[in-house]
Amino acid sequence: MFKKLKNILHEKIKTDEYTLKHYSSDGSIFKIKPQGVVLPKDWEDIFNLIKFVNNENKAGNRLSITARGKGTDLTGAPLSDSLIVRFPGYLDKILEIGDNFARVEPGVIYGDLQKELEKQGKTIPVNPASGAFCTVGGMVSNNSGGTKSVKYGETRDYVLSLKVILADGSEINTKNNEQRAINNRLKELIENNKELIEKSRPNTTKNASGYYLWNYKGQTSVNSSLMQLFIGSEGTLGIIKEITFKIVKKPTHDGILLGYFNDLARAGQAVIRLLKHNPSSLEMVDKSVVDIIRELEPELVVDLPKPAPRIILYAEFDGFSKDEVKNQIDKAKTVMKDLAYEHHSAIEIKEKERLWRVRLKSASVIEHTKSSKKAIPFVEDGAVAQELFPEYIENINKIFGIYNIQFAFWGHAGNANLHVQPLIDLGDRAQKELVPNIARDFYEVLGKMKGTASGEHGDGISRAPFLELTYNKEMVELFKKVKQIFDPLNIFNPICKTNVTIEQYKKFMRNDYAVYSK
């Protein structure tokens, strides 16, 4: 079978052990060994691959295709026991940059695209943490967010149109889509379930979980809605061939306002009040992070009070002049003066870097703990309504108190989207067995709070078995019907989203955790 495929793909498929081992992992706690890794030379290879996989499945030979960027995903979404297609280094051209748009292939690195846009004073201001090396295709597939989401929104807010290859090998452009059969089936599904869809909508400002069925204006706007449905679908509905992004003018100046809090309620009040001042970022770090950093890299926290504050809030403001930014910070200082026990601000580069460093270094430092217990990402991306920020933190503490597990969390306070990473030794059988139990309790709490399991990282394997806890059984069945409409043979990224059982979750878990080498 693979000999035939190699002929079709001009030998652009690798099956050696070194390659298969490398592509068996991503940034998640899961490991799955693929059968082969496709390195396409052009889009004809992709069309031929889809045709081949379809024919093999019809003949009874189970094959699937999973698109992969740089493997920075924290959920296991780009893992497969069949065929993986790598896009960066292959289908990764910047095709066109206009005054207000950029047209690119999915393998383009976001950081590289940003450098080109900055030459024109433009940007796509999503700003994911992995932006220096993640692909734009991965960002669209996950509906990535980042530190700027509180002001500038998510990836879906900057996609103008998509070209997508469907499971039958046809290509659509969401700008002038003519896939009437899919449109009609999808529209009927939406129309028949309007009440369920609206009832199940997470009460959050960010969401990267499930399929995005909430933007149908009167359930009739098919084309733009179809585009939004592909965004955040994690490669389960089709393969993205081309993305046209909206680009905007890049602010030239920014400044930071930082506050320390020991009272959780006061920190929550500060978040709500600071939002009224339109910050470009509103971030937080918990004491748990500071304590771990103090142990690993004490020079990073030398300026912080001892003991560490319960919560550190970081509010960034941007604009097109230093005076504009200074005025914003001066107005927002009233919030910190009223509610924080200490606060600082900065506009100059070196001072800004000094104040920002604990938040910006949080993830990278904690990843390198010296003990066998590692900060592992499996409940790392929940989000709730902004006004529930303090209650969410209290619930996080309660869950890990029950399990007596040390943990750290930080994240996007302005979106109440927190990155929670328990310290667990996956090589310890007893600790490893706690992982799905903690996940169950975590997502059950998010469901009760009308939150989402993922604000910006997607479902992948991590959240797939628990979607009924944050949505409900009926909504998950609806998601499955959406998948069936687009991909009846389940050839696109089948181990993801709605198609993962708790047994598979346990089976795919690694016995160790190391930071993925990109």
Protein backbone atom coordinates (compact mmCIF):
# COMPACT_ATOMS: atom_id res chain seq x y z
CA MET A 1 0.00 0.00 0.00
CA PHE A 2 2.74 2.48 0.98
CA LYS A 3 4.78 1.57 -2.08
CA LYS A 4 1.83 2.63 -4.22
CA LEU A 5 1.43 5.85 -2.21
CA LYS A 6 5.13 6.63 -2.55
CA ASN A 7 4.79 6.40 -6.32
CA ILE A 8 1.79 8.73 -6.27
CA LEU A 9 3.59 11.24 -4.04
CA HIS A 10 6.96 11.05 -5.82
CA GLU A 11 8.58 9.46 -2.72
CA LYS A 12 7.46 12.39 -0.54
CA ILE A 13 6.44 10.14 2.37
CA LYS A 14 8.67 9.07 5.25
CA THR A 15 8.21 5.88 7.25
CA ASP A 16 11.57 5.58 9.02
CA GLU A 17 11.59 5.13 12.81
CA TYR A 18 13.29 8.44 13.57
CA THR A 19 10.62 10.42 11.69
CA LEU A 20 7.73 8.41 13.11
CA LYS A 21 9.05 8.87 16.65
CA HIS A 22 9.41 12.63 16.19
CA TYR A 23 5.86 12.99 14.90
CA SER A 24 4.46 10.78 17.67
CA SER A 25 4.26 13.71 20.08
CA ASP A 26 3.39 17.38 20.28
CA GLY A 27 3.15 19.70 23.28
CA SER A 28 0.54 17.52 24.98
CA ILE A 29 0.64 14.57 27.39
CA PHE A 30 -0.21 12.13 24.58
CA LYS A 31 1.84 9.99 22.23
CA ILE A 32 0.60 8.22 19.08
CA LYS A 33 2.85 6.68 16.46
CA PRO A 34 1.83 7.44 12.85
CA GLN A 35 2.27 5.05 9.92
CA GLY A 36 3.77 7.70 7.68
CA VAL A 37 4.55 11.40 7.34
CA VAL A 38 3.78 13.12 4.04
CA LEU A 39 5.97 16.03 2.90
CA PRO A 40 3.95 17.45 -0.02
CA LYS A 41 5.76 19.25 -2.84
CA ASP A 42 2.57 20.95 -4.07
CA TRP A 43 -1.21 20.94 -3.74
CA GLU A 44 -1.54 18.24 -6.38
CA ASP A 45 0.05 15.90 -3.82
CA ILE A 46 -2.71 16.77 -1.34
CA PHE A 47 -5.49 16.14 -3.85
CA ASN A 48 -3.87 12.83 -4.87
CA LEU A 49 -3.45 11.85 -1.23
CA ILE A 50 -7.13 12.47 -0.46
CA LYS A 51 -8.18 10.46 -3.52
CA PHE A 52 -5.89 7.59 -2.47
CA VAL A 53 -7.14 7.58 1.13
CA ASN A 54 -10.76 7.62 0.00
CA ASN A 55 -10.21 4.66 -2.33
CA GLU A 56 -8.41 2.69 0.37
CA ASN A 57 -11.21 3.30 2.87
CA LYS A 58 -13.83 2.21 0.37
CA ALA A 59 -11.78 -0.95 -0.14
CA GLY A 60 -11.82 -1.61 3.61
CA ASN A 61 -8.31 -0.36 4.45
CA ARG A 62 -8.55 2.18 7.28
CA LEU A 63 -6.49 5.30 6.53
CA SER A 64 -6.80 8.93 7.58
CA ILE A 65 -5.08 12.29 7.08
CA THR A 66 -4.03 14.63 9.88
CA ALA A 67 -2.68 18.07 9.00
CA ARG A 68 0.19 19.28 11.16
CA GLY A 69 1.99 22.57 11.63
CA LYS A 70 4.90 22.90 14.06
CA GLY A 71 3.46 20.58 16.70
CA THR A 72 3.08 23.26 19.37
CA ASP A 73 -0.45 22.05 20.16
CA LEU A 74 -1.11 21.22 23.83
CA THR A 75 -4.06 18.88 23.21
CA GLY A 76 -2.78 16.09 20.95
CA ALA A 77 -4.80 17.34 17.96
CA PRO A 78 -1.99 16.87 15.38
CA LEU A 79 -1.32 13.25 16.42
CA SER A 80 -2.38 10.26 14.32
CA ASP A 81 -2.01 6.48 14.04
CA SER A 82 -2.28 6.84 10.24
CA LEU A 83 -0.92 9.57 7.94
CA ILE A 84 0.35 13.00 8.98
CA VAL A 85 0.84 15.83 6.46
CA ARG A 86 3.46 18.41 7.41
CA PHE A 87 2.85 21.92 6.06
CA PRO A 88 5.68 24.22 7.29
CA GLY A 89 8.67 23.99 4.97
CA TYR A 90 6.43 22.83 2.12
CA LEU A 91 3.11 24.58 1.55
CA ASP A 92 4.18 27.77 3.27
CA LYS A 93 4.19 30.70 0.85
CA ILE A 94 3.14 34.28 1.55
CA LEU A 95 1.12 34.74 -1.64
CA GLU A 96 0.10 38.39 -1.48
CA ILE A 97 0.08 41.34 0.92
CA GLY A 98 -2.29 44.21 0.17
CA ASP A 99 -3.22 47.39 2.00
CA ASN A 100 -5.64 45.63 4.33
CA PHE A 101 -5.17 41.90 3.71
CA ALA A 102 -2.59 39.13 3.54
CA ARG A 103 -3.13 35.95 1.50
CA VAL A 104 -1.05 32.96 2.60
CA GLU A 105 -0.68 29.18 2.58
CA PRO A 106 -1.29 27.38 5.89
CA GLY A 107 2.35 26.41 6.51
CA VAL A 108 3.48 30.04 6.90
CA ILE A 109 4.99 30.78 10.32
CA TYR A 110 3.04 33.50 12.10
CA GLY A 111 6.23 35.22 13.30
CA ASP A 112 7.60 35.36 9.75
CA LEU A 113 4.36 36.82 8.44
CA GLN A 114 4.36 39.42 11.20
CA LYS A 115 7.88 40.54 10.24
CA GLU A 116 6.72 41.11 6.66
CA LEU A 117 3.64 42.99 7.80
CA GLU A 118 5.63 45.17 10.19
CA LYS A 119 7.59 46.52 7.20
CA GLN A 120 4.29 48.21 6.24
CA GLY A 121 3.39 49.13 9.82
CA LYS A 122 0.68 46.44 9.83
CA THR A 123 -0.13 43.41 11.98
CA ILE A 124 -2.47 40.52 12.71
CA PRO A 125 -2.69 41.27 16.44
CA VAL A 126 -3.68 37.83 17.77
CA ASN A 127 -0.28 37.27 19.46
CA PRO A 128 -0.29 33.59 20.59
CA ALA A 129 2.51 32.60 22.99
CA SER A 130 3.98 30.27 20.34
CA GLY A 131 3.79 33.00 17.69
CA ALA A 132 7.50 32.90 16.82
CA PHE A 133 7.18 29.38 15.42
CA CYS A 134 3.51 28.29 15.13
CA THR A 135 1.84 28.18 11.70
CA VAL A 136 -1.08 30.33 10.62
CA GLY A 137 -2.90 27.16 9.54
CA GLY A 138 -2.63 25.88 13.10
CA MET A 139 -3.88 29.21 14.42
CA VAL A 140 -6.96 29.05 12.20
CA SER A 141 -7.54 25.39 13.03
CA ASN A 142 -7.46 26.14 16.77
CA ASN A 143 -8.93 29.65 16.67
CA SER A 144 -5.86 30.76 18.60
CA GLY A 145 -5.88 33.69 20.97
CA GLY A 146 -3.19 35.28 23.08
CA THR A 147 -2.29 38.18 25.31
CA LYS A 148 -3.97 40.72 23.00
CA SER A 149 -7.35 38.98 22.78
CA VAL A 150 -8.99 41.19 25.37
CA LYS A 151 -8.78 44.15 22.95
CA TYR A 152 -8.21 42.64 19.52
CA GLY A 153 -10.11 39.34 19.63
CA GLU A 154 -9.28 35.86 18.38
CA THR A 155 -7.98 34.46 15.10
CA ARG A 156 -11.54 34.15 13.75
CA ASP A 157 -11.85 37.95 13.91
CA TYR A 158 -9.07 38.32 11.31
CA VAL A 159 -9.99 35.71 8.71
CA LEU A 160 -11.62 37.20 5.61
CA SER A 161 -11.90 33.98 3.59
CA LEU A 162 -10.61 30.42 3.33
CA LYS A 163 -9.95 27.96 0.56
CA VAL A 164 -10.58 24.46 1.87
CA ILE A 165 -10.23 20.99 0.37
CA LEU A 166 -13.11 18.74 1.40
CA ALA A 167 -13.20 15.01 2.01
CA ASP A 168 -14.48 14.24 -1.50
CA GLY A 169 -11.48 16.06 -3.00
CA SER A 170 -13.44 19.15 -4.05
CA GLU A 171 -12.20 22.63 -3.23
CA ILE A 172 -14.30 25.49 -1.93
CA ASN A 173 -13.66 29.18 -1.41
CA THR A 174 -15.79 30.46 1.44
CA LYS A 175 -15.91 33.84 -0.30
CA ASN A 176 -18.05 32.42 -3.14
CA ASN A 177 -18.92 28.95 -1.94
CA GLU A 178 -21.16 26.86 -4.20
CA GLN A 179 -21.31 23.68 -2.13
CA ARG A 180 -25.10 23.65 -2.08
CA ALA A 181 -25.48 20.10 -0.79
CA ILE A 182 -23.37 20.78 2.30
CA ASN A 183 -24.93 24.21 2.79
CA ASN A 184 -28.46 22.83 2.66
CA ARG A 185 -27.75 19.99 5.08
CA LEU A 186 -25.93 22.30 7.45
CA LYS A 187 -28.64 24.95 7.30
CA GLU A 188 -31.32 22.35 8.01
CA LEU A 189 -29.33 21.03 10.97
CA ILE A 190 -28.97 24.54 12.38
CA GLU A 191 -32.61 25.46 11.80
CA ASN A 192 -33.84 22.30 13.53
CA ASN A 193 -31.65 22.88 16.59
CA LYS A 194 -31.67 26.65 17.11
CA GLU A 195 -32.91 26.44 20.69
CA LEU A 196 -30.37 23.77 21.68
CA ILE A 197 -27.51 25.70 20.06
CA GLU A 198 -28.32 28.96 21.82
CA LYS A 199 -28.93 27.24 25.15
CA SER A 200 -25.55 25.51 24.90
CA ARG A 201 -23.54 28.60 24.02
CA PRO A 202 -20.70 29.16 26.55
CA ASN A 203 -20.96 32.47 28.42
CA THR A 204 -17.39 33.54 27.65
CA THR A 205 -15.54 36.11 25.55
CA LYS A 206 -13.34 33.38 24.01
CA ASN A 207 -14.11 29.86 22.86
CA ALA A 208 -12.09 27.26 20.94
CA SER A 209 -14.14 24.21 21.94
CA GLY A 210 -16.66 22.29 19.85
CA TYR A 211 -17.79 23.49 16.40
CA TYR A 212 -18.74 27.15 16.10
CA LEU A 213 -22.46 27.04 15.37
CA TRP A 214 -23.42 30.31 17.09
CA ASN A 215 -22.71 32.91 14.42
CA TYR A 216 -25.59 32.12 12.04
CA LYS A 217 -27.44 35.45 11.98
CA GLY A 218 -31.02 34.33 11.90
CA GLN A 219 -29.52 30.98 10.88
CA THR A 220 -29.41 32.17 7.24
CA SER A 221 -25.94 33.65 6.63
CA VAL A 222 -24.42 30.49 5.18
CA ASN A 223 -21.14 31.47 3.54
CA SER A 224 -19.52 33.54 6.30
CA SER A 225 -20.87 31.04 8.82
CA LEU A 226 -19.29 28.18 6.88
CA MET A 227 -15.94 29.95 7.07
CA GLN A 228 -16.36 30.41 10.81
CA LEU A 229 -17.20 26.73 11.16
CA PHE A 230 -13.83 25.72 9.67
CA ILE A 231 -12.07 28.07 12.08
CA GLY A 232 -11.47 26.12 15.29
CA SER A 233 -12.40 22.79 13.68
CA GLU A 234 -8.85 21.43 14.19
CA GLY A 235 -8.57 19.95 10.71
CA THR A 236 -11.53 17.61 11.22
CA LEU A 237 -13.75 19.08 8.46
CA GLY A 238 -11.26 19.71 5.65
CA ILE A 239 -7.73 20.77 4.79
CA ILE A 240 -7.09 24.51 4.68
CA LYS A 241 -5.42 25.42 1.41
CA GLU A 242 -5.32 29.20 1.61
CA ILE A 243 -6.13 31.90 4.17
CA THR A 244 -6.87 35.56 3.54
CA PHE A 245 -6.31 37.56 6.72
CA LYS A 246 -7.47 41.04 7.57
CA ILE A 247 -4.49 43.16 8.60
CA VAL A 248 -4.60 46.32 10.71
CA LYS A 249 -2.31 49.21 11.57
CA LYS A 250 0.21 48.26 14.26
CA PRO A 251 0.34 50.52 17.33
CA THR A 252 3.71 52.19 17.74
CA HIS A 253 3.78 52.63 21.52
CA ASP A 254 2.70 50.72 24.62
CA GLY A 255 3.06 50.83 28.38
CA ILE A 256 2.30 48.65 31.39
CA LEU A 257 0.47 49.07 34.68
CA LEU A 258 1.06 46.36 37.28
CA GLY A 259 -0.74 45.74 40.57
CA TYR A 260 -0.33 43.35 43.53
CA PHE A 261 -3.34 41.81 45.28
CA ASN A 262 -3.78 39.54 48.28
CA ASP A 263 -7.56 39.72 48.20
CA LEU A 264 -9.11 37.70 45.36
CA ALA A 265 -12.35 39.68 45.35
CA ARG A 266 -10.44 42.95 44.98
CA ALA A 267 -8.45 41.49 42.09
CA GLY A 268 -11.73 40.48 40.43
CA GLN A 269 -13.12 43.99 40.90
CA ALA A 270 -9.92 45.41 39.39
CA VAL A 271 -10.30 43.23 36.29
CA ILE A 272 -13.86 44.48 35.66
CA ARG A 273 -12.90 48.11 36.20
CA LEU A 274 -9.71 47.90 34.12
CA LEU A 275 -11.68 46.46 31.19
CA LYS A 276 -13.51 49.78 30.94
CA HIS A 277 -10.16 51.44 30.13
CA ASN A 278 -9.70 49.25 27.02
CA PRO A 279 -6.33 47.61 27.79
CA SER A 280 -4.52 45.85 24.95
CA SER A 281 -3.62 43.08 27.44
CA LEU A 282 -4.96 42.21 30.87
CA GLU A 283 -2.92 39.34 32.24
CA MET A 284 -2.41 37.64 35.59
CA VAL A 285 0.00 35.42 37.49
CA ASP A 286 -0.92 33.47 40.61
CA LYS A 287 1.29 33.11 43.70
CA SER A 288 1.81 29.44 42.78
CA VAL A 289 3.80 30.51 39.72
CA VAL A 290 5.90 33.04 41.63
CA ASP A 291 6.81 30.44 44.27
CA ILE A 292 8.00 27.97 41.61
CA ILE A 293 9.95 30.63 39.70
CA ARG A 294 11.56 31.80 42.96
CA GLU A 295 12.89 28.27 43.41
CA LEU A 296 14.05 27.78 39.80
CA GLU A 297 15.14 31.25 38.66
CA PRO A 298 15.10 33.55 41.71
CA GLU A 299 16.62 36.46 39.78
CA LEU A 300 13.34 36.85 37.89
CA VAL A 301 11.36 37.64 41.04
CA VAL A 302 13.93 39.64 42.97
CA ASP A 303 11.78 42.79 42.69
CA LEU A 304 8.60 41.15 44.01
CA PRO A 305 7.44 41.46 47.62
CA LYS A 306 7.97 38.58 50.07
CA PRO A 307 5.77 36.72 50.57
CA ALA A 308 4.55 36.84 46.99
CA PRO A 309 1.20 38.52 46.34
CA ARG A 310 -1.78 36.22 45.81
CA ILE A 311 -2.41 37.73 42.36
CA ILE A 312 -0.36 39.98 40.09
CA LEU A 313 -2.36 41.84 37.43
CA TYR A 314 -0.68 43.25 34.31
CA ALA A 315 -2.58 45.82 32.26
CA GLU A 316 -0.96 46.91 29.00
CA PHE A 317 -2.15 49.89 26.96
CA ASP A 318 -1.15 50.72 23.40
CA GLY A 319 -1.55 53.56 20.93
CA PHE A 320 0.19 55.71 18.34
CA SER A 321 2.05 58.11 20.60
CA LYS A 322 3.72 58.05 23.99
CA ASP A 323 1.32 60.70 25.30
CA GLU A 324 -1.70 58.63 24.25
CA VAL A 325 -0.40 55.62 26.18
CA LYS A 326 0.58 57.70 29.22
CA ASN A 327 -2.90 59.21 29.39
CA GLN A 328 -4.49 55.76 29.30
CA ILE A 329 -2.23 54.51 32.10
CA ASP A 330 -2.85 57.60 34.25
CA LYS A 331 -6.61 57.06 34.01
CA ALA A 332 -6.32 53.34 34.80
CA LYS A 333 -4.09 54.00 37.82
CA THR A 334 -7.18 55.00 39.79
CA VAL A 335 -8.23 51.34 39.73
CA MET A 336 -4.91 50.13 41.12
CA LYS A 337 -4.82 52.91 43.73
CA ASP A 338 -8.26 51.89 44.96
CA LEU A 339 -7.83 48.11 44.94
CA ALA A 340 -4.17 46.95 44.78
CA TYR A 341 -1.91 47.18 47.82
CA GLU A 342 0.99 48.22 45.57
CA HIS A 343 1.27 49.21 41.92
CA HIS A 344 3.86 50.26 39.33
CA SER A 345 3.82 51.52 35.74
CA ALA A 346 6.31 51.92 32.91
CA ILE A 347 6.54 53.24 29.37
CA GLU A 348 10.29 52.94 28.77
CA ILE A 349 11.46 49.66 27.21
CA LYS A 350 13.85 48.37 29.91
CA GLU A 351 11.43 49.10 32.73
CA LYS A 352 8.54 47.50 30.80
CA GLU A 353 10.60 44.36 30.24
CA ARG A 354 11.46 44.21 33.94
CA LEU A 355 7.82 44.47 35.00
CA TRP A 356 6.58 42.00 32.36
CA ARG A 357 9.19 39.30 32.85
CA VAL A 358 7.43 37.12 35.45
CA ARG A 359 4.29 36.83 33.31
CA LEU A 360 6.15 36.32 30.04
CA LYS A 361 8.51 33.73 31.53
CA SER A 362 5.84 31.81 33.45
CA ALA A 363 5.28 28.93 31.03
CA SER A 364 8.90 28.43 29.95
CA VAL A 365 10.32 28.40 33.49
CA ILE A 366 7.69 26.07 34.93
CA GLU A 367 8.20 23.62 32.04
CA HIS A 368 11.70 22.91 33.35
CA THR A 369 11.08 21.85 36.95
CA LYS A 370 13.97 19.80 38.31
CA SER A 371 11.91 17.06 39.97
CA SER A 372 10.16 14.13 38.29
CA LYS A 373 6.91 16.06 38.70
CA LYS A 374 6.32 18.22 35.64
CA ALA A 375 3.81 20.97 34.95
CA ILE A 376 1.63 19.09 32.51
CA PRO A 377 -1.02 20.62 30.23
CA PHE A 378 -4.33 18.77 30.30
CA VAL A 379 -6.72 21.23 31.98
CA GLU A 380 -4.78 24.25 30.82
CA ASP A 381 -7.25 26.43 28.96
CA GLY A 382 -10.66 26.84 30.59
CA ALA A 383 -12.51 30.16 30.48
CA VAL A 384 -15.59 31.62 32.15
CA ALA A 385 -17.48 34.91 32.12
CA GLN A 386 -15.27 37.84 33.15
CA GLU A 387 -17.32 38.59 36.27
CA LEU A 388 -16.75 35.00 37.46
CA PHE A 389 -12.95 35.38 37.48
CA PRO A 390 -12.60 35.20 41.34
CA GLU A 391 -15.05 32.28 41.65
CA TYR A 392 -13.17 30.39 38.93
CA ILE A 393 -9.89 30.77 40.83
CA GLU A 394 -11.54 29.58 44.05
CA ASN A 395 -12.88 26.51 42.24
CA ILE A 396 -9.44 25.73 40.80
CA ASN A 397 -7.96 25.81 44.29
CA LYS A 398 -10.72 23.55 45.64
CA ILE A 399 -10.22 20.91 42.95
CA PHE A 400 -6.49 20.58 43.50
CA GLY A 401 -6.92 20.81 47.26
CA ILE A 402 -9.09 17.69 47.10
CA TYR A 403 -6.38 15.81 45.21
CA ASN A 404 -3.54 17.36 47.23
CA ILE A 405 -1.78 18.23 43.98
CA GLN A 406 0.56 21.21 43.59
CA PHE A 407 -0.30 23.34 40.58
CA ALA A 408 0.47 26.64 38.92
CA PHE A 409 -1.70 28.95 36.86
CA TRP A 410 -1.48 32.18 34.94
CA GLY A 411 -3.23 33.60 31.92
CA HIS A 412 -5.59 36.11 30.41
CA ALA A 413 -7.47 37.74 33.27
CA GLY A 414 -9.37 40.04 30.91
CA ASN A 415 -11.01 37.00 29.31
CA ALA A 416 -11.08 34.91 32.54
CA ASN A 417 -9.08 32.39 30.47
CA LEU A 418 -6.53 30.71 32.75
CA HIS A 419 -3.71 28.30 31.97
CA VAL A 420 -3.65 25.72 34.76
CA GLN A 421 -0.84 23.17 34.96
CA PRO A 422 -0.73 20.57 37.76
CA LEU A 423 2.67 19.19 38.79
CA ILE A 424 2.43 15.44 38.21
CA ASP A 425 4.87 12.59 37.59
CA LEU A 426 3.37 10.61 34.70
CA GLY A 427 5.86 7.83 35.46
CA ASP A 428 4.13 7.29 38.82
CA ARG A 429 1.16 5.04 38.14
CA ALA A 430 -0.93 6.38 41.02
CA GLN A 431 -0.40 10.00 39.94
CA LYS A 432 -1.02 9.18 36.28
CA GLU A 433 -4.35 7.59 37.16
CA LEU A 434 -5.44 10.87 38.75
CA VAL A 435 -5.20 12.77 35.46
CA PRO A 436 -8.57 11.79 33.89
CA ASN A 437 -10.28 12.16 37.29
CA ILE A 438 -8.93 15.68 37.74
CA ALA A 439 -9.95 16.50 34.15
CA ARG A 440 -13.48 15.21 34.77
CA ASP A 441 -13.88 17.33 37.92
CA PHE A 442 -12.36 20.37 36.23
CA TYR A 443 -14.64 20.29 33.20
CA GLU A 444 -17.66 19.53 35.33
CA VAL A 445 -17.03 22.76 37.26
CA LEU A 446 -16.59 24.71 34.00
CA GLY A 447 -19.88 23.29 32.73
CA LYS A 448 -21.70 24.40 35.87
CA MET A 449 -20.20 27.88 35.44
CA LYS A 450 -21.40 28.03 31.80
CA GLY A 451 -17.76 28.22 30.77
CA THR A 452 -15.74 26.61 28.00
CA ALA A 453 -13.18 23.83 28.25
CA SER A 454 -10.93 25.78 25.88
CA GLY A 455 -10.55 29.49 25.39
CA GLU A 456 -7.86 29.28 22.72
CA HIS A 457 -6.13 25.86 22.47
CA GLY A 458 -8.87 23.64 21.06
CA ASP A 459 -10.20 20.23 22.13
CA GLY A 460 -7.85 17.70 20.52
CA ILE A 461 -7.62 14.54 22.59
CA SER A 462 -7.44 16.40 25.92
CA ARG A 463 -11.02 17.60 26.02
CA ALA A 464 -12.83 15.34 23.58
CA PRO A 465 -14.03 12.73 26.15
CA PHE A 466 -15.31 15.48 28.46
CA LEU A 467 -17.26 17.69 26.05
CA GLU A 468 -20.60 16.51 27.48
CA LEU A 469 -19.59 18.05 30.81
CA THR A 470 -19.05 21.55 29.41
CA TYR A 471 -21.80 21.35 26.79
CA ASN A 472 -24.36 18.55 27.07
CA LYS A 473 -24.99 15.20 25.42
CA GLU A 474 -27.40 16.61 22.82
CA MET A 475 -24.95 19.32 21.74
CA VAL A 476 -22.10 16.84 21.39
CA GLU A 477 -24.36 14.67 19.22
CA LEU A 478 -24.99 17.76 17.09
CA PHE A 479 -21.24 18.30 16.74
CA LYS A 480 -20.93 14.69 15.54
CA LYS A 481 -23.59 15.32 12.89
CA VAL A 482 -21.61 18.35 11.65
CA LYS A 483 -18.54 16.14 11.30
CA GLN A 484 -20.60 13.54 9.43
CA ILE A 485 -21.87 16.13 6.94
CA PHE A 486 -18.37 17.20 5.96
CA ASP A 487 -16.44 13.97 6.42
CA PRO A 488 -18.67 10.89 6.18
CA LEU A 489 -15.74 8.44 5.96
CA ASN A 490 -13.96 10.13 8.89
CA ILE A 491 -10.71 10.57 6.96
CA PHE A 492 -9.71 13.95 8.46
CA ASN A 493 -8.04 13.94 11.87
CA PRO A 494 -10.27 11.22 13.36
CA ILE A 495 -8.57 11.10 16.80
CA CYS A 496 -9.77 14.54 17.81
CA LYS A 497 -12.70 16.54 19.12
CA THR A 498 -15.87 14.41 19.28
CA ASN A 499 -14.24 11.09 18.33
CA VAL A 500 -12.16 10.22 21.42
CA THR A 501 -13.27 7.93 24.23
CA ILE A 502 -11.96 8.01 27.80
CA GLU A 503 -10.35 4.61 27.12
CA GLN A 504 -8.41 6.09 24.20
CA TYR A 505 -7.47 9.09 26.33
CA LYS A 506 -5.88 6.77 28.91
CA LYS A 507 -4.26 4.59 26.25
CA PHE A 508 -2.57 7.52 24.49
CA MET A 509 -1.19 9.13 27.67
CA ARG A 510 2.58 9.25 27.87
CA ASN A 511 4.56 7.79 30.79
CA ASP A 512 6.70 10.90 31.00
CA TYR A 513 6.46 14.53 29.98
CA ALA A 514 9.15 16.51 28.26
CA VAL A 515 8.85 19.79 26.40
CA TYR A 516 8.31 19.01 22.73
CA SER A 517 11.26 19.76 20.45
CA LYS A 518 9.74 21.62 17.50
